[in-house]
Amino acid sequence: MRIGYFLSCEEYTPAELIEQAKAAERAGFSGLWISDHYHPWVDAQGQSAFVWSMIGALSQATSLPITTAVTCPTVRIHPAVIAQAAATSAVLTGGKFRLGIGTGEALNEHIFGDAWPEADVRLEMLEEAVEIMRELWKGGNVSYRGKHYTVENARVYTLPAAPPEILVSGFGPKAVEVAARIGEGYVSTMPDGDLVKQFRQQGGGDRTAQAGFKAAFAPTEEEGARIAYEKWPNAGVPGELSQVLPAPKHFEQASQLVTQDMIKEAFVCGNAVEPHLEQLKQYEDAGFDEVYVANTGPNWQGLCDLYASEILPKHGS
């Protein structure tokens, strides 16, 4: 199983994200995940860098492969524009860019006043978006009139040697079925072996299955838990709320029901090696091919050093 580093655009400035990516490459991580948000989840995170600018900068700062985790190509940005952005990213990275996509959250997608569709409609829109992007990546002139999107006389001129792979996020059976049918890979944030098995059995085969988890490196477990609770209380918000709440203030309100102990369960906190190894083993046992770890708080260099000395050499990453 390959181990990569997850860049959180919601929490760090552009300069910090670039420094983290360089540190991740020095440490021996195998690739980068990067989030795509218009807003942070809560104001305490404080950032929301535009992911396509970041990918351009990262392509010149490191040689690591980059995957969006994940982009929503359906509401806030038209899939024809995402097709151009992804193609350019693939060119800049020498073909080492993969487009991770999902059905998104109202938090990021509602900003123009569009109605936020229910989950089944969002999956339908995602399939149509993928069809448009793949058609544009063929390089010809494209006109398209579908149920959700119109494209008229569009052509993407700057194209990589091969189209970017599309990896599809899924947290339930319907989304995983779509991922298996239309994706070159699968994306999750849970060590759920049943969903990986479903993906493979319904058409995913041996395609890449990626996942990610969060850590809060700190001198003690309690200090890490404090940092995680301050920055990411939304990690304890259950169910579909994360897809339908429209603003950081609503996540802050919902997070009032979340305790620090709940966040402690969701994060790997502190500076000990064993909890990281245990978390990685859960994802490996679930059948994932790649797992990406994100740090929260100021001690990201400590996490990189821990992985460089104690974890990556043992995993052969």
Protein backbone atom coordinates (compact mmCIF):
# COMPACT_ATOMS: atom_id res chain seq x y z
CA MET A 1 0.00 0.00 0.00
CA ARG A 2 1.37 3.41 -1.00
CA ILE A 3 1.26 6.25 1.52
CA GLY A 4 0.77 9.87 0.47
CA TYR A 5 0.25 13.25 2.10
CA PHE A 6 -3.06 15.13 2.12
CA LEU A 7 -2.93 18.92 1.67
CA SER A 8 -5.84 20.73 3.37
CA CYS A 9 -6.66 23.90 1.43
CA GLU A 10 -9.23 24.77 4.13
CA GLU A 11 -6.61 25.20 6.85
CA TYR A 12 -3.28 26.38 5.40
CA THR A 13 -2.16 29.33 3.30
CA PRO A 14 -0.92 28.71 -0.24
CA ALA A 15 2.70 29.19 0.88
CA GLU A 16 2.23 26.71 3.73
CA LEU A 17 0.70 24.15 1.39
CA ILE A 18 3.71 24.39 -0.92
CA GLU A 19 6.11 23.99 2.01
CA GLN A 20 4.17 20.95 3.22
CA ALA A 21 4.31 19.39 -0.24
CA LYS A 22 8.09 19.88 -0.38
CA ALA A 23 8.44 18.39 3.09
CA ALA A 24 6.25 15.45 2.09
CA GLU A 25 8.48 14.73 -0.91
CA ARG A 26 11.62 14.92 1.23
CA ALA A 27 10.04 12.57 3.76
CA GLY A 28 9.34 9.94 1.10
CA PHE A 29 5.58 10.16 0.68
CA SER A 30 4.46 8.70 -2.65
CA GLY A 31 1.94 11.33 -3.73
CA LEU A 32 -0.30 14.24 -2.80
CA TRP A 33 -4.01 14.59 -2.20
CA ILE A 34 -5.42 18.12 -2.23
CA SER A 35 -8.87 19.30 -1.20
CA ASP A 36 -11.09 21.51 -3.37
CA HIS A 37 -13.22 23.94 -1.36
CA TYR A 38 -14.74 27.38 -1.80
CA HIS A 39 -15.23 27.70 1.99
CA PRO A 40 -13.56 26.10 4.98
CA TRP A 41 -15.83 23.85 7.03
CA VAL A 42 -15.60 26.21 10.02
CA ASP A 43 -14.07 29.66 10.37
CA ALA A 44 -11.34 28.36 12.69
CA GLN A 45 -9.74 26.62 9.68
CA GLY A 46 -9.54 30.01 8.03
CA GLN A 47 -8.46 29.36 4.42
CA SER A 48 -9.87 28.37 1.03
CA ALA A 49 -7.17 28.53 -1.64
CA PHE A 50 -8.28 27.91 -5.23
CA VAL A 51 -7.19 24.38 -5.95
CA TRP A 52 -6.30 24.85 -9.63
CA SER A 53 -3.88 27.66 -8.81
CA MET A 54 -2.38 25.47 -6.11
CA ILE A 55 -1.92 22.51 -8.48
CA GLY A 56 -0.10 24.76 -10.94
CA ALA A 57 2.24 25.94 -8.20
CA LEU A 58 2.73 22.44 -6.79
CA SER A 59 3.63 21.09 -10.21
CA GLN A 60 6.67 23.38 -10.20
CA ALA A 61 7.56 22.82 -6.53
CA THR A 62 7.51 19.01 -6.32
CA SER A 63 7.58 15.97 -8.60
CA LEU A 64 4.93 14.04 -6.65
CA PRO A 65 1.73 12.84 -8.34
CA ILE A 66 -1.32 14.94 -7.40
CA THR A 67 -4.97 13.88 -7.00
CA THR A 68 -7.88 16.18 -6.18
CA ALA A 69 -9.75 14.88 -3.15
CA VAL A 70 -12.23 15.72 -4.38
CA THR A 71 -13.52 18.15 -7.01
CA CYS A 72 -17.23 18.59 -7.67
CA PRO A 73 -17.58 19.18 -11.44
CA THR A 74 -21.34 19.81 -11.46
CA VAL A 75 -22.63 23.07 -9.91
CA ARG A 76 -20.05 25.70 -8.92
CA ILE A 77 -17.87 25.02 -11.98
CA HIS A 78 -19.19 23.62 -15.26
CA PRO A 79 -17.66 20.28 -16.29
CA ALA A 80 -16.33 21.79 -19.52
CA VAL A 81 -14.20 24.17 -17.44
CA ILE A 82 -13.06 21.37 -15.13
CA ALA A 83 -12.06 19.42 -18.24
CA GLN A 84 -9.75 22.26 -19.29
CA ALA A 85 -8.36 22.72 -15.77
CA ALA A 86 -7.64 19.00 -15.35
CA ALA A 87 -6.02 18.75 -18.78
CA THR A 88 -3.69 21.65 -18.01
CA SER A 89 -2.87 20.13 -14.61
CA ALA A 90 -1.97 16.86 -16.31
CA VAL A 91 0.32 18.70 -18.74
CA LEU A 92 2.03 20.64 -15.95
CA THR A 93 2.66 17.48 -13.90
CA GLY A 94 3.93 15.46 -16.84
CA GLY A 95 0.89 13.17 -16.70
CA LYS A 96 1.02 12.71 -12.91
CA PHE A 97 -2.36 14.27 -12.19
CA ARG A 98 -5.53 12.35 -11.39
CA LEU A 99 -8.96 13.95 -11.14
CA GLY A 100 -10.75 12.82 -8.00
CA ILE A 101 -14.42 13.81 -8.21
CA GLY A 102 -17.55 13.60 -6.11
CA THR A 103 -21.08 14.96 -5.80
CA GLY A 104 -19.95 17.80 -3.53
CA GLU A 105 -21.40 19.69 -0.62
CA ALA A 106 -23.81 22.60 -0.44
CA LEU A 107 -21.10 24.38 1.58
CA ASN A 108 -19.11 24.97 -1.61
CA GLU A 109 -21.61 24.61 -4.42
CA HIS A 110 -24.54 26.85 -3.38
CA ILE A 111 -22.74 30.16 -3.83
CA PHE A 112 -24.58 31.26 -7.01
CA GLY A 113 -27.98 30.54 -5.53
CA ASP A 114 -28.54 27.29 -7.42
CA ALA A 115 -30.88 24.78 -5.82
CA TRP A 116 -28.97 21.97 -4.09
CA PRO A 117 -30.22 18.71 -5.66
CA GLU A 118 -30.91 15.53 -3.74
CA ALA A 119 -28.29 12.79 -3.78
CA ASP A 120 -29.69 10.74 -6.70
CA VAL A 121 -29.83 13.82 -8.93
CA ARG A 122 -26.28 14.79 -7.96
CA LEU A 123 -25.05 11.34 -9.00
CA GLU A 124 -26.89 11.70 -12.31
CA MET A 125 -25.23 15.09 -12.86
CA LEU A 126 -21.84 13.60 -12.01
CA GLU A 127 -22.21 10.90 -14.66
CA GLU A 128 -23.13 13.47 -17.29
CA ALA A 129 -20.19 15.65 -16.26
CA VAL A 130 -17.78 12.73 -16.70
CA GLU A 131 -19.21 12.06 -20.17
CA ILE A 132 -18.58 15.69 -21.17
CA MET A 133 -15.04 15.80 -19.79
CA ARG A 134 -13.98 12.60 -21.51
CA GLU A 135 -15.42 13.81 -24.80
CA LEU A 136 -13.48 17.08 -24.54
CA TRP A 137 -10.26 15.23 -23.72
CA LYS A 138 -10.45 13.54 -27.13
CA GLY A 139 -9.39 16.87 -28.59
CA GLY A 140 -12.11 17.61 -31.08
CA ASN A 141 -14.86 20.18 -31.27
CA VAL A 142 -17.66 19.26 -28.88
CA SER A 143 -21.31 20.26 -28.77
CA TYR A 144 -23.48 18.52 -26.21
CA ARG A 145 -27.04 18.89 -24.98
CA GLY A 146 -27.91 16.68 -22.08
CA LYS A 147 -30.40 16.66 -19.25
CA HIS A 148 -28.25 18.88 -17.04
CA TYR A 149 -25.58 20.53 -19.22
CA THR A 150 -25.09 22.21 -22.56
CA VAL A 151 -21.74 22.55 -24.34
CA GLU A 152 -21.52 24.47 -27.59
CA ASN A 153 -18.54 24.46 -29.96
CA ALA A 154 -16.00 23.79 -27.22
CA ARG A 155 -12.52 22.41 -27.68
CA VAL A 156 -9.72 21.87 -25.17
CA TYR A 157 -6.49 22.58 -27.04
CA THR A 158 -3.90 22.02 -24.30
CA LEU A 159 -4.06 18.27 -23.75
CA PRO A 160 -1.78 15.73 -22.05
CA ALA A 161 -0.49 12.68 -23.91
CA ALA A 162 -3.16 10.59 -22.16
CA PRO A 163 -6.42 11.75 -20.55
CA PRO A 164 -6.34 12.16 -16.76
CA GLU A 165 -7.68 9.22 -14.81
CA ILE A 166 -10.97 9.94 -13.03
CA LEU A 167 -11.40 8.56 -9.51
CA VAL A 168 -14.90 8.73 -8.05
CA SER A 169 -15.75 9.29 -4.39
CA GLY A 170 -18.43 7.17 -2.77
CA PHE A 171 -19.69 6.66 0.79
CA GLY A 172 -22.78 4.55 0.11
CA PRO A 173 -23.81 1.69 -2.20
CA LYS A 174 -25.32 3.91 -4.94
CA ALA A 175 -22.26 6.12 -5.21
CA VAL A 176 -19.90 3.13 -5.13
CA GLU A 177 -21.85 1.51 -7.98
CA VAL A 178 -21.36 4.68 -10.03
CA ALA A 179 -17.66 4.76 -9.14
CA ALA A 180 -17.25 1.15 -10.27
CA ARG A 181 -19.07 1.81 -13.53
CA ILE A 182 -17.54 5.12 -14.67
CA GLY A 183 -14.32 5.62 -12.69
CA GLU A 184 -10.71 4.60 -13.16
CA GLY A 185 -10.58 4.44 -9.39
CA TYR A 186 -12.43 4.84 -6.11
CA VAL A 187 -12.01 7.41 -3.31
CA SER A 188 -13.12 7.19 0.33
CA THR A 189 -12.24 8.48 3.79
CA MET A 190 -13.40 5.40 5.69
CA PRO A 191 -11.60 2.04 6.15
CA ASP A 192 -14.72 0.23 4.94
CA GLY A 193 -13.75 -3.04 3.33
CA ASP A 194 -17.33 -3.78 2.24
CA LEU A 195 -17.40 -0.69 0.02
CA VAL A 196 -14.02 -1.55 -1.50
CA LYS A 197 -15.28 -5.08 -2.16
CA GLN A 198 -18.42 -3.71 -3.78
CA PHE A 199 -16.36 -1.39 -5.97
CA ARG A 200 -14.20 -4.27 -7.18
CA GLN A 201 -17.07 -6.71 -7.70
CA GLN A 202 -19.30 -4.28 -9.60
CA GLY A 203 -16.70 -3.40 -12.21
CA GLY A 204 -13.83 -1.70 -10.42
CA GLY A 205 -11.64 -4.79 -10.61
CA ASP A 206 -8.04 -3.96 -9.77
CA ARG A 207 -8.39 -0.22 -10.35
CA THR A 208 -6.93 2.08 -7.72
CA ALA A 209 -8.77 2.49 -4.42
CA GLN A 210 -7.65 5.56 -2.46
CA ALA A 211 -8.49 6.74 1.04
CA GLY A 212 -7.39 9.36 3.53
CA PHE A 213 -7.40 10.10 7.22
CA LYS A 214 -6.53 13.01 9.50
CA ALA A 215 -3.90 13.36 12.20
CA ALA A 216 -2.97 16.08 14.68
CA PHE A 217 0.73 15.80 15.47
CA ALA A 218 1.59 17.26 18.89
CA PRO A 219 3.81 16.58 21.92
CA THR A 220 0.97 14.67 23.62
CA GLU A 221 -2.21 12.92 22.59
CA GLU A 222 -4.31 15.38 24.58
CA GLU A 223 -2.67 18.38 22.91
CA GLY A 224 -3.28 16.82 19.51
CA ALA A 225 -6.92 16.22 20.42
CA ARG A 226 -7.27 19.84 21.52
CA ILE A 227 -5.88 21.09 18.21
CA ALA A 228 -8.10 18.74 16.21
CA TYR A 229 -11.18 19.80 18.14
CA GLU A 230 -10.37 23.49 17.64
CA LYS A 231 -9.76 23.19 13.89
CA TRP A 232 -12.01 20.31 12.78
CA PRO A 233 -15.02 19.90 15.10
CA ASN A 234 -17.06 19.26 11.94
CA ALA A 235 -15.36 15.86 11.65
CA GLY A 236 -17.85 14.67 14.25
CA VAL A 237 -20.94 15.87 12.36
CA PRO A 238 -22.80 12.71 11.30
CA GLY A 239 -24.56 11.46 8.20
CA GLU A 240 -25.63 13.63 5.28
CA LEU A 241 -25.37 16.91 7.18
CA SER A 242 -21.93 17.47 5.66
CA GLN A 243 -23.52 17.43 2.20
CA VAL A 244 -26.46 19.74 2.92
CA LEU A 245 -25.36 22.43 5.40
CA PRO A 246 -24.66 25.60 3.37
CA ALA A 247 -22.24 27.71 5.45
CA PRO A 248 -19.37 27.45 7.95
CA LYS A 249 -21.60 28.97 10.64
CA HIS A 250 -24.02 26.06 10.26
CA PHE A 251 -21.20 23.56 10.73
CA GLU A 252 -20.15 25.52 13.81
CA GLN A 253 -23.69 25.25 15.16
CA ALA A 254 -23.89 21.51 14.46
CA SER A 255 -20.44 21.04 15.97
CA GLN A 256 -21.70 22.26 19.33
CA LEU A 257 -23.04 18.70 19.71
CA VAL A 258 -19.55 17.27 19.10
CA THR A 259 -17.17 16.63 22.01
CA GLN A 260 -13.39 16.61 22.06
CA ASP A 261 -13.48 12.88 22.86
CA MET A 262 -15.49 12.28 19.67
CA ILE A 263 -12.86 14.11 17.61
CA LYS A 264 -10.12 12.20 19.41
CA GLU A 265 -11.67 9.02 18.04
CA ALA A 266 -11.71 10.43 14.49
CA PHE A 267 -8.08 11.67 14.44
CA VAL A 268 -4.69 10.13 15.13
CA CYS A 269 -3.49 12.51 17.84
CA GLY A 270 -0.07 13.02 19.42
CA ASN A 271 3.40 11.89 18.38
CA ALA A 272 3.32 8.11 18.88
CA VAL A 273 4.09 5.77 15.99
CA GLU A 274 1.77 2.89 16.86
CA PRO A 275 -1.58 4.70 16.36
CA HIS A 276 -0.50 5.65 12.83
CA LEU A 277 0.52 2.07 12.07
CA GLU A 278 -2.79 0.81 13.41
CA GLN A 279 -4.75 3.28 11.30
CA LEU A 280 -2.79 2.43 8.18
CA LYS A 281 -3.37 -1.28 8.80
CA GLN A 282 -7.12 -0.71 8.93
CA TYR A 283 -7.04 0.78 5.44
CA GLU A 284 -4.68 -1.89 4.16
CA ASP A 285 -6.92 -4.65 5.55
CA ALA A 286 -9.92 -2.96 3.91
CA GLY A 287 -8.22 -3.35 0.53
CA PHE A 288 -7.07 0.17 -0.29
CA ASP A 289 -4.08 0.62 -2.60
CA GLU A 290 -3.21 4.14 -1.47
CA VAL A 291 -3.83 6.08 1.74
CA TYR A 292 -3.15 9.76 2.37
CA VAL A 293 -2.58 11.33 5.79
CA ALA A 294 -3.40 14.96 6.57
CA ASN A 295 -2.02 16.93 9.47
CA THR A 296 -4.01 19.58 11.28
CA GLY A 297 -2.45 22.34 13.32
CA PRO A 298 1.05 23.85 13.23
CA ASN A 299 3.15 20.71 13.68
CA TRP A 300 3.09 19.30 10.15
CA GLN A 301 6.88 19.07 9.96
CA GLY A 302 6.82 16.80 12.99
CA LEU A 303 4.37 14.49 11.24
CA CYS A 304 6.56 14.42 8.11
CA ASP A 305 9.63 13.62 10.23
CA LEU A 306 7.75 10.82 12.04
CA TYR A 307 6.76 9.21 8.76
CA ALA A 308 10.23 9.66 7.27
CA SER A 309 11.98 7.94 10.16
CA GLU A 310 9.47 5.45 11.55
CA ILE A 311 6.69 4.62 9.09
CA LEU A 312 7.53 5.02 5.42
CA PRO A 313 10.73 2.89 5.56
CA LYS A 314 8.76 -0.01 7.10
CA HIS A 315 5.99 0.25 4.52
CA GLY A 316 8.35 0.54 1.58
CA SER A 317 6.47 3.62 0.36
